[in-house]
Amino acid sequence: MATELDGLLRRASYIVADAEAAASFYEQLFGWTRFYDNETAVDHRFPPSQPDGTLARIIILKAEDPFIGMIGFMQYLGITPAVGVNSDRSEVKLGDTLNVVEVKDIEGCHARAVELGAKVVTAPVDWSVTDYSGKGTIDLATFSFFDTNGIYFEVNTRRN
């Protein structure tokens, strides 16, 4: 039953210096495919970063679900915005995004992340979290990394 408070999170999008390189990283790492790849003039209000009419390249990748499993990369063309996140990060901070991706082959994905230049925080480890009911556990293998833009990801696979 829909209400006025319903909201569907479609994707996370990031401002990056090179949208092609950012998209290519995730195409190779997770096998995500391009949903959108265009240049367009931006509106200063969305996001409030550059003047109206600034040209940007936007690439949106989709995962298995073509409606909600997406991530976007926006590169301003001819302008280098102020640096917020950078590639030499080693920890997350208040307000950072924690991206979580489930994969089938955790070891293979970890090896690809290393090959692609990700800054791995931890190699795959087995651990457990409390399940949705609060009464059981979910057994996981997880690794985490910062990509070459300093964007944080946790990658896991269920063991049970």
C-alpha atoms as a PDB file:
ATOM      1  CA  MET A   1       0.000   0.000   0.000  1.00  0.00           C
ATOM      2  CA  ALA A   2       1.600   3.283  -1.121  1.00  0.00           C
ATOM      3  CA  THR A   3       1.728   6.289   1.168  1.00  0.00           C
ATOM      4  CA  GLU A   4       3.046   9.806   0.775  1.00  0.00           C
ATOM      5  CA  LEU A   5       6.177   8.701   2.648  1.00  0.00           C
ATOM      6  CA  ASP A   6       7.148   5.958   0.199  1.00  0.00           C
ATOM      7  CA  GLY A   7      10.579   6.363  -1.336  1.00  0.00           C
ATOM      8  CA  LEU A   8      12.592   4.016  -3.508  1.00  0.00           C
ATOM      9  CA  LEU A   9      16.364   4.415  -3.354  1.00  0.00           C
ATOM     10  CA  ARG A  10      17.403   4.093  -6.997  1.00  0.00           C
ATOM     11  CA  ARG A  11      21.169   4.559  -6.850  1.00  0.00           C
ATOM     12  CA  ALA A  12      24.150   6.243  -5.269  1.00  0.00           C
ATOM     13  CA  SER A  13      26.014   8.699  -7.518  1.00  0.00           C
ATOM     14  CA  TYR A  14      29.469  10.151  -7.077  1.00  0.00           C
ATOM     15  CA  ILE A  15      31.302  13.147  -8.495  1.00  0.00           C
ATOM     16  CA  VAL A  16      34.610  11.870  -9.860  1.00  0.00           C
ATOM     17  CA  ALA A  17      37.500  13.264 -11.871  1.00  0.00           C
ATOM     18  CA  ASP A  18      37.180  10.599 -14.607  1.00  0.00           C
ATOM     19  CA  ALA A  19      33.764   8.965 -15.096  1.00  0.00           C
ATOM     20  CA  GLU A  20      35.060   6.527 -17.720  1.00  0.00           C
ATOM     21  CA  ALA A  21      37.797   5.212 -15.422  1.00  0.00           C
ATOM     22  CA  ALA A  22      35.388   4.947 -12.483  1.00  0.00           C
ATOM     23  CA  ALA A  23      32.786   3.060 -14.532  1.00  0.00           C
ATOM     24  CA  SER A  24      35.402   0.781 -16.075  1.00  0.00           C
ATOM     25  CA  PHE A  25      36.635  -0.196 -12.587  1.00  0.00           C
ATOM     26  CA  TYR A  26      33.194  -1.547 -11.616  1.00  0.00           C
ATOM     27  CA  GLU A  27      32.478  -3.087 -15.007  1.00  0.00           C
ATOM     28  CA  GLN A  28      35.644  -5.157 -14.566  1.00  0.00           C
ATOM     29  CA  LEU A  29      35.201  -5.826 -10.840  1.00  0.00           C
ATOM     30  CA  PHE A  30      31.511  -6.783 -10.657  1.00  0.00           C
ATOM     31  CA  GLY A  31      30.490  -7.163 -14.301  1.00  0.00           C
ATOM     32  CA  TRP A  32      28.016  -4.270 -14.047  1.00  0.00           C
ATOM     33  CA  THR A  33      26.767  -2.883 -17.357  1.00  0.00           C
ATOM     34  CA  ARG A  34      26.021   0.602 -18.666  1.00  0.00           C
ATOM     35  CA  PHE A  35      22.483   1.839 -18.274  1.00  0.00           C
ATOM     36  CA  TYR A  36      23.235   5.477 -19.167  1.00  0.00           C
ATOM     37  CA  ASP A  37      26.266   7.237 -20.677  1.00  0.00           C
ATOM     38  CA  ASN A  38      25.737  10.805 -21.879  1.00  0.00           C
ATOM     39  CA  GLU A  39      26.957  14.361 -21.656  1.00  0.00           C
ATOM     40  CA  THR A  40      24.440  16.854 -20.346  1.00  0.00           C
ATOM     41  CA  ALA A  41      24.261  20.385 -18.981  1.00  0.00           C
ATOM     42  CA  VAL A  42      23.813  20.394 -15.203  1.00  0.00           C
ATOM     43  CA  ASP A  43      21.440  22.346 -13.015  1.00  0.00           C
ATOM     44  CA  HIS A  44      23.232  23.961 -10.050  1.00  0.00           C
ATOM     45  CA  ARG A  45      20.580  22.653  -7.688  1.00  0.00           C
ATOM     46  CA  PHE A  46      21.188  18.963  -8.481  1.00  0.00           C
ATOM     47  CA  PRO A  47      23.847  18.653  -7.050  1.00  0.00           C
ATOM     48  CA  PRO A  48      24.811  22.123  -5.817  1.00  0.00           C
ATOM     49  CA  SER A  49      28.371  22.114  -7.110  1.00  0.00           C
ATOM     50  CA  GLN A  50      28.904  23.883 -10.453  1.00  0.00           C
ATOM     51  CA  PRO A  51      27.107  26.735 -12.279  1.00  0.00           C
ATOM     52  CA  ASP A  52      23.985  26.072 -14.364  1.00  0.00           C
ATOM     53  CA  GLY A  53      24.795  24.840 -17.828  1.00  0.00           C
ATOM     54  CA  THR A  54      28.159  23.288 -16.906  1.00  0.00           C
ATOM     55  CA  LEU A  55      28.675  20.266 -19.120  1.00  0.00           C
ATOM     56  CA  ALA A  56      29.041  16.917 -17.354  1.00  0.00           C
ATOM     57  CA  ARG A  57      29.428  13.310 -18.404  1.00  0.00           C
ATOM     58  CA  ILE A  58      27.232  10.950 -16.453  1.00  0.00           C
ATOM     59  CA  ILE A  59      27.652   7.190 -16.540  1.00  0.00           C
ATOM     60  CA  ILE A  60      25.201   4.997 -14.646  1.00  0.00           C
ATOM     61  CA  LEU A  61      25.929   1.297 -14.229  1.00  0.00           C
ATOM     62  CA  LYS A  62      23.315  -1.312 -13.386  1.00  0.00           C
ATOM     63  CA  ALA A  63      23.694  -4.493 -11.429  1.00  0.00           C
ATOM     64  CA  GLU A  64      21.350  -7.475 -11.600  1.00  0.00           C
ATOM     65  CA  ASP A  65      18.219  -5.421 -10.835  1.00  0.00           C
ATOM     66  CA  PRO A  66      17.910  -2.810 -13.613  1.00  0.00           C
ATOM     67  CA  PHE A  67      15.801  -0.459 -11.508  1.00  0.00           C
ATOM     68  CA  ILE A  68      17.387  -0.220  -8.061  1.00  0.00           C
ATOM     69  CA  GLY A  69      20.830  -1.811  -8.311  1.00  0.00           C
ATOM     70  CA  MET A  70      22.638   1.156  -9.862  1.00  0.00           C
ATOM     71  CA  ILE A  71      25.592   3.438  -9.232  1.00  0.00           C
ATOM     72  CA  GLY A  72      26.391   6.663 -11.050  1.00  0.00           C
ATOM     73  CA  PHE A  73      29.557   8.636 -11.787  1.00  0.00           C
ATOM     74  CA  MET A  74      29.468  12.287 -12.837  1.00  0.00           C
ATOM     75  CA  GLN A  75      32.479  14.090 -14.252  1.00  0.00           C
ATOM     76  CA  TYR A  76      32.357  17.838 -14.877  1.00  0.00           C
ATOM     77  CA  LEU A  77      33.928  18.507 -18.268  1.00  0.00           C
ATOM     78  CA  GLY A  78      36.521  21.281 -18.379  1.00  0.00           C
ATOM     79  CA  ILE A  79      36.254  21.928 -14.642  1.00  0.00           C
ATOM     80  CA  THR A  80      37.939  20.237 -11.712  1.00  0.00           C
ATOM     81  CA  PRO A  81      35.700  20.596  -8.629  1.00  0.00           C
ATOM     82  CA  ALA A  82      37.136  20.937  -5.141  1.00  0.00           C
ATOM     83  CA  VAL A  83      38.402  17.625  -3.799  1.00  0.00           C
ATOM     84  CA  GLY A  84      36.238  16.087  -1.114  1.00  0.00           C
ATOM     85  CA  VAL A  85      37.115  12.411  -1.109  1.00  0.00           C
ATOM     86  CA  ASN A  86      40.523  11.228  -2.223  1.00  0.00           C
ATOM     87  CA  SER A  87      42.212   7.975  -3.070  1.00  0.00           C
ATOM     88  CA  ASP A  88      44.637   7.869  -0.137  1.00  0.00           C
ATOM     89  CA  ARG A  89      41.907   7.305   2.471  1.00  0.00           C
ATOM     90  CA  SER A  90      42.256   4.565   5.059  1.00  0.00           C
ATOM     91  CA  GLU A  91      39.068   4.958   7.119  1.00  0.00           C
ATOM     92  CA  VAL A  92      35.502   6.156   6.763  1.00  0.00           C
ATOM     93  CA  LYS A  93      34.221   9.269   8.471  1.00  0.00           C
ATOM     94  CA  LEU A  94      30.873  10.681   9.558  1.00  0.00           C
ATOM     95  CA  GLY A  95      28.670  11.223   6.514  1.00  0.00           C
ATOM     96  CA  ASP A  96      30.536   8.767   4.275  1.00  0.00           C
ATOM     97  CA  THR A  97      28.613   6.266   2.178  1.00  0.00           C
ATOM     98  CA  LEU A  98      29.002   2.591   3.026  1.00  0.00           C
ATOM     99  CA  ASN A  99      28.323   0.730  -0.215  1.00  0.00           C
ATOM    100  CA  VAL A 100      27.604  -2.988   0.241  1.00  0.00           C
ATOM    101  CA  VAL A 101      27.662  -5.482  -2.632  1.00  0.00           C
ATOM    102  CA  GLU A 102      26.867  -9.192  -2.496  1.00  0.00           C
ATOM    103  CA  VAL A 103      28.840 -11.477  -4.814  1.00  0.00           C
ATOM    104  CA  LYS A 104      28.992 -15.220  -5.411  1.00  0.00           C
ATOM    105  CA  ASP A 105      32.795 -15.529  -5.736  1.00  0.00           C
ATOM    106  CA  ILE A 106      34.338 -13.503  -2.911  1.00  0.00           C
ATOM    107  CA  GLU A 107      37.893 -14.693  -3.517  1.00  0.00           C
ATOM    108  CA  GLY A 108      37.750 -13.965  -7.264  1.00  0.00           C
ATOM    109  CA  CYS A 109      36.237 -10.542  -6.647  1.00  0.00           C
ATOM    110  CA  HIS A 110      38.927  -9.733  -4.082  1.00  0.00           C
ATOM    111  CA  ALA A 111      41.656 -10.738  -6.557  1.00  0.00           C
ATOM    112  CA  ARG A 112      40.115  -8.492  -9.250  1.00  0.00           C
ATOM    113  CA  ALA A 113      39.892  -5.569  -6.794  1.00  0.00           C
ATOM    114  CA  VAL A 114      43.601  -5.913  -6.018  1.00  0.00           C
ATOM    115  CA  GLU A 115      44.462  -6.138  -9.743  1.00  0.00           C
ATOM    116  CA  LEU A 116      42.386  -3.015 -10.479  1.00  0.00           C
ATOM    117  CA  GLY A 117      44.256  -0.958  -7.880  1.00  0.00           C
ATOM    118  CA  ALA A 118      41.742  -0.851  -5.047  1.00  0.00           C
ATOM    119  CA  LYS A 119      43.099  -0.014  -1.604  1.00  0.00           C
ATOM    120  CA  VAL A 120      41.996  -3.132   0.260  1.00  0.00           C
ATOM    121  CA  VAL A 121      41.204  -2.524   3.933  1.00  0.00           C
ATOM    122  CA  THR A 122      40.808  -6.198   4.762  1.00  0.00           C
ATOM    123  CA  ALA A 123      41.062  -9.373   2.704  1.00  0.00           C
ATOM    124  CA  PRO A 124      38.075 -11.756   2.862  1.00  0.00           C
ATOM    125  CA  VAL A 125      37.293 -12.813   6.434  1.00  0.00           C
ATOM    126  CA  ASP A 126      34.543 -15.032   7.813  1.00  0.00           C
ATOM    127  CA  TRP A 127      32.281 -13.465  10.434  1.00  0.00           C
ATOM    128  CA  SER A 128      28.643 -13.363  11.567  1.00  0.00           C
ATOM    129  CA  VAL A 129      26.012 -10.694  12.115  1.00  0.00           C
ATOM    130  CA  THR A 130      22.651 -10.844  13.841  1.00  0.00           C
ATOM    131  CA  ASP A 131      19.877 -11.713  11.373  1.00  0.00           C
ATOM    132  CA  TYR A 132      16.772  -9.659  10.636  1.00  0.00           C
ATOM    133  CA  SER A 133      14.735 -11.285  13.404  1.00  0.00           C
ATOM    134  CA  GLY A 134      17.391 -10.575  16.014  1.00  0.00           C
ATOM    135  CA  LYS A 135      17.332 -14.232  17.045  1.00  0.00           C
ATOM    136  CA  GLY A 136      19.744 -15.902  14.623  1.00  0.00           C
ATOM    137  CA  THR A 137      22.904 -15.141  12.717  1.00  0.00           C
ATOM    138  CA  ILE A 138      23.971 -14.633   9.129  1.00  0.00           C
ATOM    139  CA  ASP A 139      27.385 -16.113   8.332  1.00  0.00           C
ATOM    140  CA  LEU A 140      29.343 -14.008   5.844  1.00  0.00           C
ATOM    141  CA  ALA A 141      32.684 -13.718   4.148  1.00  0.00           C
ATOM    142  CA  THR A 142      33.503 -10.045   3.607  1.00  0.00           C
ATOM    143  CA  PHE A 143      36.307  -7.855   2.314  1.00  0.00           C
ATOM    144  CA  SER A 144      36.405  -4.091   2.081  1.00  0.00           C
ATOM    145  CA  PHE A 145      38.227  -1.528  -0.001  1.00  0.00           C
ATOM    146  CA  PHE A 146      38.476   2.069  -1.143  1.00  0.00           C
ATOM    147  CA  ASP A 147      38.371   2.409  -4.929  1.00  0.00           C
ATOM    148  CA  THR A 148      40.737   4.670  -6.851  1.00  0.00           C
ATOM    149  CA  ASN A 149      38.427   7.648  -6.109  1.00  0.00           C
ATOM    150  CA  GLY A 150      38.366   6.949  -2.360  1.00  0.00           C
ATOM    151  CA  ILE A 151      34.836   5.484  -2.424  1.00  0.00           C
ATOM    152  CA  TYR A 152      34.314   2.795   0.233  1.00  0.00           C
ATOM    153  CA  PHE A 153      32.816  -0.648  -0.483  1.00  0.00           C
ATOM    154  CA  GLU A 154      32.118  -3.778   1.539  1.00  0.00           C
ATOM    155  CA  VAL A 155      31.802  -6.934  -0.548  1.00  0.00           C
ATOM    156  CA  ASN A 156      30.274 -10.041   0.973  1.00  0.00           C
ATOM    157  CA  THR A 157      28.898 -13.467   0.286  1.00  0.00           C
ATOM    158  CA  ARG A 158      26.618 -15.492   2.521  1.00  0.00           C
ATOM    159  CA  ARG A 159      28.022 -18.683   3.932  1.00  0.00           C
ATOM    160  CA  ASN A 160      24.615 -19.967   5.182  1.00  0.00           C
END
